Amino acid sequence: MSLSIHEVPPTDAPLALLLLADPSESKVRAYLPGRTLFRRAAWTAPSPASARW
């Protein structure tokens, strides 16, 4: 199992998540350009057959 982090362009920012921190959509959209965003890739559990205990 590994962690994979990817850069996300500001145009693909998770607006709903950002609006939880700042409810002003106009302000969120104003500070996104020029920012670097990252996301964790979707995690999938390993199958029991591949688990090594």
PDB file of N, CA and C in Angstrom:
ATOM      1  N   MET A   1       0.855  -1.160   0.000  1.00  0.00           N
ATOM      2  CA  MET A   1       0.000   0.000   0.000  1.00  0.00           C
ATOM      3  C   MET A   1       0.904   1.226   0.000  1.00  0.00           C
ATOM      4  N   SER A   2       0.580   2.191  -0.841  1.00  0.00           N
ATOM      5  CA  SER A   2       1.391   3.396  -0.900  1.00  0.00           C
ATOM      6  C   SER A   2       0.493   4.622  -1.009  1.00  0.00           C
ATOM      7  N   LEU A   3       1.044   5.731  -0.647  1.00  0.00           N
ATOM      8  CA  LEU A   3       0.320   6.993  -0.713  1.00  0.00           C
ATOM      9  C   LEU A   3       0.760   7.714  -1.974  1.00  0.00           C
ATOM     10  N   SER A   4      -0.207   8.171  -2.733  1.00  0.00           N
ATOM     11  CA  SER A   4       0.098   8.871  -3.974  1.00  0.00           C
ATOM     12  C   SER A   4      -0.530  10.261  -3.907  1.00  0.00           C
ATOM     13  N   ILE A   5       0.292  11.285  -4.117  1.00  0.00           N
ATOM     14  CA  ILE A   5      -0.175  12.669  -4.061  1.00  0.00           C
ATOM     15  C   ILE A   5       0.016  13.289  -5.437  1.00  0.00           C
ATOM     16  N   HIS A   6      -1.007  13.997  -5.899  1.00  0.00           N
ATOM     17  CA  HIS A   6      -0.970  14.601  -7.221  1.00  0.00           C
ATOM     18  C   HIS A   6      -1.255  16.089  -7.138  1.00  0.00           C
ATOM     19  N   GLU A   7      -0.610  16.845  -8.007  1.00  0.00           N
ATOM     20  CA  GLU A   7      -0.891  18.277  -8.096  1.00  0.00           C
ATOM     21  C   GLU A   7      -2.206  18.471  -8.851  1.00  0.00           C
ATOM     22  N   VAL A   8      -2.988  19.438  -8.413  1.00  0.00           N
ATOM     23  CA  VAL A   8      -4.282  19.735  -9.019  1.00  0.00           C
ATOM     24  C   VAL A   8      -4.254  21.184  -9.506  1.00  0.00           C
ATOM     25  N   PRO A   9      -4.609  21.436 -10.753  1.00  0.00           N
ATOM     26  CA  PRO A   9      -4.650  22.828 -11.216  1.00  0.00           C
ATOM     27  C   PRO A   9      -5.772  23.591 -10.498  1.00  0.00           C
ATOM     28  N   PRO A  10      -5.603  24.884 -10.276  1.00  0.00           N
ATOM     29  CA  PRO A  10      -6.631  25.665  -9.588  1.00  0.00           C
ATOM     30  C   PRO A  10      -8.017  25.555 -10.227  1.00  0.00           C
ATOM     31  N   THR A  11      -8.068  25.310 -11.524  1.00  0.00           N
ATOM     32  CA  THR A  11      -9.371  25.172 -12.190  1.00  0.00           C
ATOM     33  C   THR A  11     -10.112  23.908 -11.758  1.00  0.00           C
ATOM     34  N   ASP A  12      -9.380  22.929 -11.201  1.00  0.00           N
ATOM     35  CA  ASP A  12      -9.990  21.680 -10.735  1.00  0.00           C
ATOM     36  C   ASP A  12     -10.062  21.618  -9.207  1.00  0.00           C
ATOM     37  N   ALA A  13      -9.936  22.751  -8.555  1.00  0.00           N
ATOM     38  CA  ALA A  13      -9.968  22.796  -7.090  1.00  0.00           C
ATOM     39  C   ALA A  13     -11.316  22.299  -6.568  1.00  0.00           C
ATOM     40  N   PRO A  14     -11.307  21.607  -5.436  1.00  0.00           N
ATOM     41  CA  PRO A  14     -12.563  21.129  -4.843  1.00  0.00           C
ATOM     42  C   PRO A  14     -13.305  22.289  -4.175  1.00  0.00           C
ATOM     43  N   LEU A  15     -14.073  23.021  -4.957  1.00  0.00           N
ATOM     44  CA  LEU A  15     -14.721  24.236  -4.484  1.00  0.00           C
ATOM     45  C   LEU A  15     -15.600  23.978  -3.259  1.00  0.00           C
ATOM     46  N   ALA A  16     -16.364  22.912  -3.258  1.00  0.00           N
ATOM     47  CA  ALA A  16     -17.242  22.626  -2.112  1.00  0.00           C
ATOM     48  C   ALA A  16     -16.433  22.493  -0.824  1.00  0.00           C
ATOM     49  N   LEU A  17     -15.276  21.863  -0.901  1.00  0.00           N
ATOM     50  CA  LEU A  17     -14.426  21.711   0.275  1.00  0.00           C
ATOM     51  C   LEU A  17     -13.849  23.060   0.708  1.00  0.00           C
ATOM     52  N   LEU A  18     -13.392  23.852  -0.240  1.00  0.00           N
ATOM     53  CA  LEU A  18     -12.823  25.157   0.088  1.00  0.00           C
ATOM     54  C   LEU A  18     -13.873  26.099   0.675  1.00  0.00           C
ATOM     55  N   LEU A  19     -15.109  25.950   0.240  1.00  0.00           N
ATOM     56  CA  LEU A  19     -16.171  26.807   0.764  1.00  0.00           C
ATOM     57  C   LEU A  19     -16.524  26.474   2.217  1.00  0.00           C
ATOM     58  N   LEU A  20     -16.133  25.317   2.688  1.00  0.00           N
ATOM     59  CA  LEU A  20     -16.314  24.998   4.104  1.00  0.00           C
ATOM     60  C   LEU A  20     -15.404  25.875   4.966  1.00  0.00           C
ATOM     61  N   ALA A  21     -14.256  26.221   4.444  1.00  0.00           N
ATOM     62  CA  ALA A  21     -13.308  27.062   5.183  1.00  0.00           C
ATOM     63  C   ALA A  21     -13.596  28.546   4.993  1.00  0.00           C
ATOM     64  N   ASP A  22     -14.061  28.919   3.809  1.00  0.00           N
ATOM     65  CA  ASP A  22     -14.371  30.321   3.510  1.00  0.00           C
ATOM     66  C   ASP A  22     -15.650  30.329   2.686  1.00  0.00           C
ATOM     67  N   PRO A  23     -16.774  30.729   3.263  1.00  0.00           N
ATOM     68  CA  PRO A  23     -18.056  30.640   2.559  1.00  0.00           C
ATOM     69  C   PRO A  23     -18.250  31.646   1.418  1.00  0.00           C
ATOM     70  N   SER A  24     -17.285  32.498   1.187  1.00  0.00           N
ATOM     71  CA  SER A  24     -17.413  33.471   0.098  1.00  0.00           C
ATOM     72  C   SER A  24     -16.796  32.894  -1.180  1.00  0.00           C
ATOM     73  N   GLU A  25     -17.662  32.464  -2.100  1.00  0.00           N
ATOM     74  CA  GLU A  25     -17.158  31.878  -3.341  1.00  0.00           C
ATOM     75  C   GLU A  25     -16.307  32.867  -4.126  1.00  0.00           C
ATOM     76  N   SER A  26     -16.678  34.136  -4.123  1.00  0.00           N
ATOM     77  CA  SER A  26     -15.890  35.122  -4.871  1.00  0.00           C
ATOM     78  C   SER A  26     -14.486  35.262  -4.292  1.00  0.00           C
ATOM     79  N   LYS A  27     -14.358  35.196  -2.977  1.00  0.00           N
ATOM     80  CA  LYS A  27     -13.027  35.282  -2.363  1.00  0.00           C
ATOM     81  C   LYS A  27     -12.211  34.028  -2.650  1.00  0.00           C
ATOM     82  N   VAL A  28     -12.851  32.871  -2.577  1.00  0.00           N
ATOM     83  CA  VAL A  28     -12.138  31.617  -2.866  1.00  0.00           C
ATOM     84  C   VAL A  28     -11.629  31.648  -4.302  1.00  0.00           C
ATOM     85  N   ARG A  29     -12.495  32.015  -5.225  1.00  0.00           N
ATOM     86  CA  ARG A  29     -12.076  32.061  -6.638  1.00  0.00           C
ATOM     87  C   ARG A  29     -10.991  33.111  -6.871  1.00  0.00           C
ATOM     88  N   ALA A  30     -10.988  34.165  -6.066  1.00  0.00           N
ATOM     89  CA  ALA A  30      -9.976  35.218  -6.211  1.00  0.00           C
ATOM     90  C   ALA A  30      -8.606  34.758  -5.739  1.00  0.00           C
ATOM     91  N   TYR A  31      -8.544  33.925  -4.710  1.00  0.00           N
ATOM     92  CA  TYR A  31      -7.225  33.525  -4.229  1.00  0.00           C
ATOM     93  C   TYR A  31      -6.709  32.223  -4.835  1.00  0.00           C
ATOM     94  N   LEU A  32      -7.479  31.549  -5.667  1.00  0.00           N
ATOM     95  CA  LEU A  32      -7.007  30.309  -6.288  1.00  0.00           C
ATOM     96  C   LEU A  32      -5.939  30.503  -7.371  1.00  0.00           C
ATOM     97  N   PRO A  33      -6.067  31.476  -8.267  1.00  0.00           N
ATOM     98  CA  PRO A  33      -5.051  31.612  -9.320  1.00  0.00           C
ATOM     99  C   PRO A  33      -3.641  31.789  -8.732  1.00  0.00           C
ATOM    100  N   GLY A  34      -2.712  31.047  -9.287  1.00  0.00           N
ATOM    101  CA  GLY A  34      -1.337  31.141  -8.840  1.00  0.00           C
ATOM    102  C   GLY A  34      -1.005  30.261  -7.642  1.00  0.00           C
ATOM    103  N   ARG A  35      -2.003  29.537  -7.124  1.00  0.00           N
ATOM    104  CA  ARG A  35      -1.771  28.660  -5.973  1.00  0.00           C
ATOM    105  C   ARG A  35      -1.459  27.257  -6.443  1.00  0.00           C
ATOM    106  N   THR A  36      -0.801  26.502  -5.591  1.00  0.00           N
ATOM    107  CA  THR A  36      -0.505  25.107  -5.871  1.00  0.00           C
ATOM    108  C   THR A  36      -1.371  24.257  -4.949  1.00  0.00           C
ATOM    109  N   LEU A  37      -2.149  23.368  -5.540  1.00  0.00           N
ATOM    110  CA  LEU A  37      -3.028  22.496  -4.773  1.00  0.00           C
ATOM    111  C   LEU A  37      -2.607  21.052  -4.975  1.00  0.00           C
ATOM    112  N   PHE A  38      -2.836  20.245  -3.964  1.00  0.00           N
ATOM    113  CA  PHE A  38      -2.506  18.825  -4.040  1.00  0.00           C
ATOM    114  C   PHE A  38      -3.679  18.015  -3.539  1.00  0.00           C
ATOM    115  N   ARG A  39      -3.770  16.785  -4.021  1.00  0.00           N
ATOM    116  CA  ARG A  39      -4.794  15.867  -3.533  1.00  0.00           C
ATOM    117  C   ARG A  39      -4.173  14.482  -3.389  1.00  0.00           C
ATOM    118  N   ARG A  40      -4.754  13.748  -2.490  1.00  0.00           N
ATOM    119  CA  ARG A  40      -4.335  12.362  -2.306  1.00  0.00           C
ATOM    120  C   ARG A  40      -5.116  11.528  -3.306  1.00  0.00           C
ATOM    121  N   ALA A  41      -4.441  10.613  -3.952  1.00  0.00           N
ATOM    122  CA  ALA A  41      -5.116   9.738  -4.900  1.00  0.00           C
ATOM    123  C   ALA A  41      -6.071   8.826  -4.149  1.00  0.00           C
ATOM    124  N   ALA A  42      -7.086   8.351  -4.822  1.00  0.00           N
ATOM    125  CA  ALA A  42      -8.046   7.443  -4.202  1.00  0.00           C
ATOM    126  C   ALA A  42      -7.314   6.225  -3.663  1.00  0.00           C
ATOM    127  N   TRP A  43      -7.672   5.832  -2.459  1.00  0.00           N
ATOM    128  CA  TRP A  43      -7.042   4.689  -1.811  1.00  0.00           C
ATOM    129  C   TRP A  43      -7.930   3.479  -1.983  1.00  0.00           C
ATOM    130  N   THR A  44      -7.318   2.376  -2.309  1.00  0.00           N
ATOM    131  CA  THR A  44      -8.063   1.121  -2.378  1.00  0.00           C
ATOM    132  C   THR A  44      -7.377   0.119  -1.475  1.00  0.00           C
ATOM    133  N   ALA A  45      -8.165  -0.602  -0.745  1.00  0.00           N
ATOM    134  CA  ALA A  45      -7.623  -1.606   0.172  1.00  0.00           C
ATOM    135  C   ALA A  45      -7.052  -2.766  -0.632  1.00  0.00           C
ATOM    136  N   PRO A  46      -5.946  -3.322  -0.170  1.00  0.00           N
ATOM    137  CA  PRO A  46      -5.392  -4.483  -0.869  1.00  0.00           C
ATOM    138  C   PRO A  46      -6.318  -5.681  -0.692  1.00  0.00           C
ATOM    139  N   SER A  47      -6.307  -6.564  -1.645  1.00  0.00           N
ATOM    140  CA  SER A  47      -7.141  -7.770  -1.535  1.00  0.00           C
ATOM    141  C   SER A  47      -6.548  -8.673  -0.459  1.00  0.00           C
ATOM    142  N   PRO A  48      -7.369  -9.478   0.193  1.00  0.00           N
ATOM    143  CA  PRO A  48      -6.851 -10.375   1.245  1.00  0.00           C
ATOM    144  C   PRO A  48      -5.743 -11.294   0.742  1.00  0.00           C
ATOM    145  N   ALA A  49      -5.809 -11.673  -0.520  1.00  0.00           N
ATOM    146  CA  ALA A  49      -4.783 -12.573  -1.066  1.00  0.00           C
ATOM    147  C   ALA A  49      -3.422 -11.908  -1.132  1.00  0.00           C
ATOM    148  N   SER A  50      -3.396 -10.579  -1.255  1.00  0.00           N
ATOM    149  CA  SER A  50      -2.113  -9.880  -1.383  1.00  0.00           C
ATOM    150  C   SER A  50      -1.596  -9.369  -0.046  1.00  0.00           C
ATOM    151  N   ALA A  51      -2.399  -9.522   1.009  1.00  0.00           N
ATOM    152  CA  ALA A  51      -1.963  -9.052   2.342  1.00  0.00           C
ATOM    153  C   ALA A  51      -0.842  -9.947   2.858  1.00  0.00           C
ATOM    154  N   ARG A  52       0.181  -9.304   3.373  1.00  0.00           N
ATOM    155  CA  ARG A  52       1.316 -10.064   3.909  1.00  0.00           C
ATOM    156  C   ARG A  52       1.450  -9.748   5.381  1.00  0.00           C
ATOM    157  N   TRP A  53       1.123 -10.687   6.198  1.00  0.00           N
ATOM    158  CA  TRP A  53       1.173 -10.475   7.641  1.00  0.00           C
ATOM    159  C   TRP A  53       2.410 -11.048   8.185  1.00  0.00           C
TER     160      TRP A  53
END
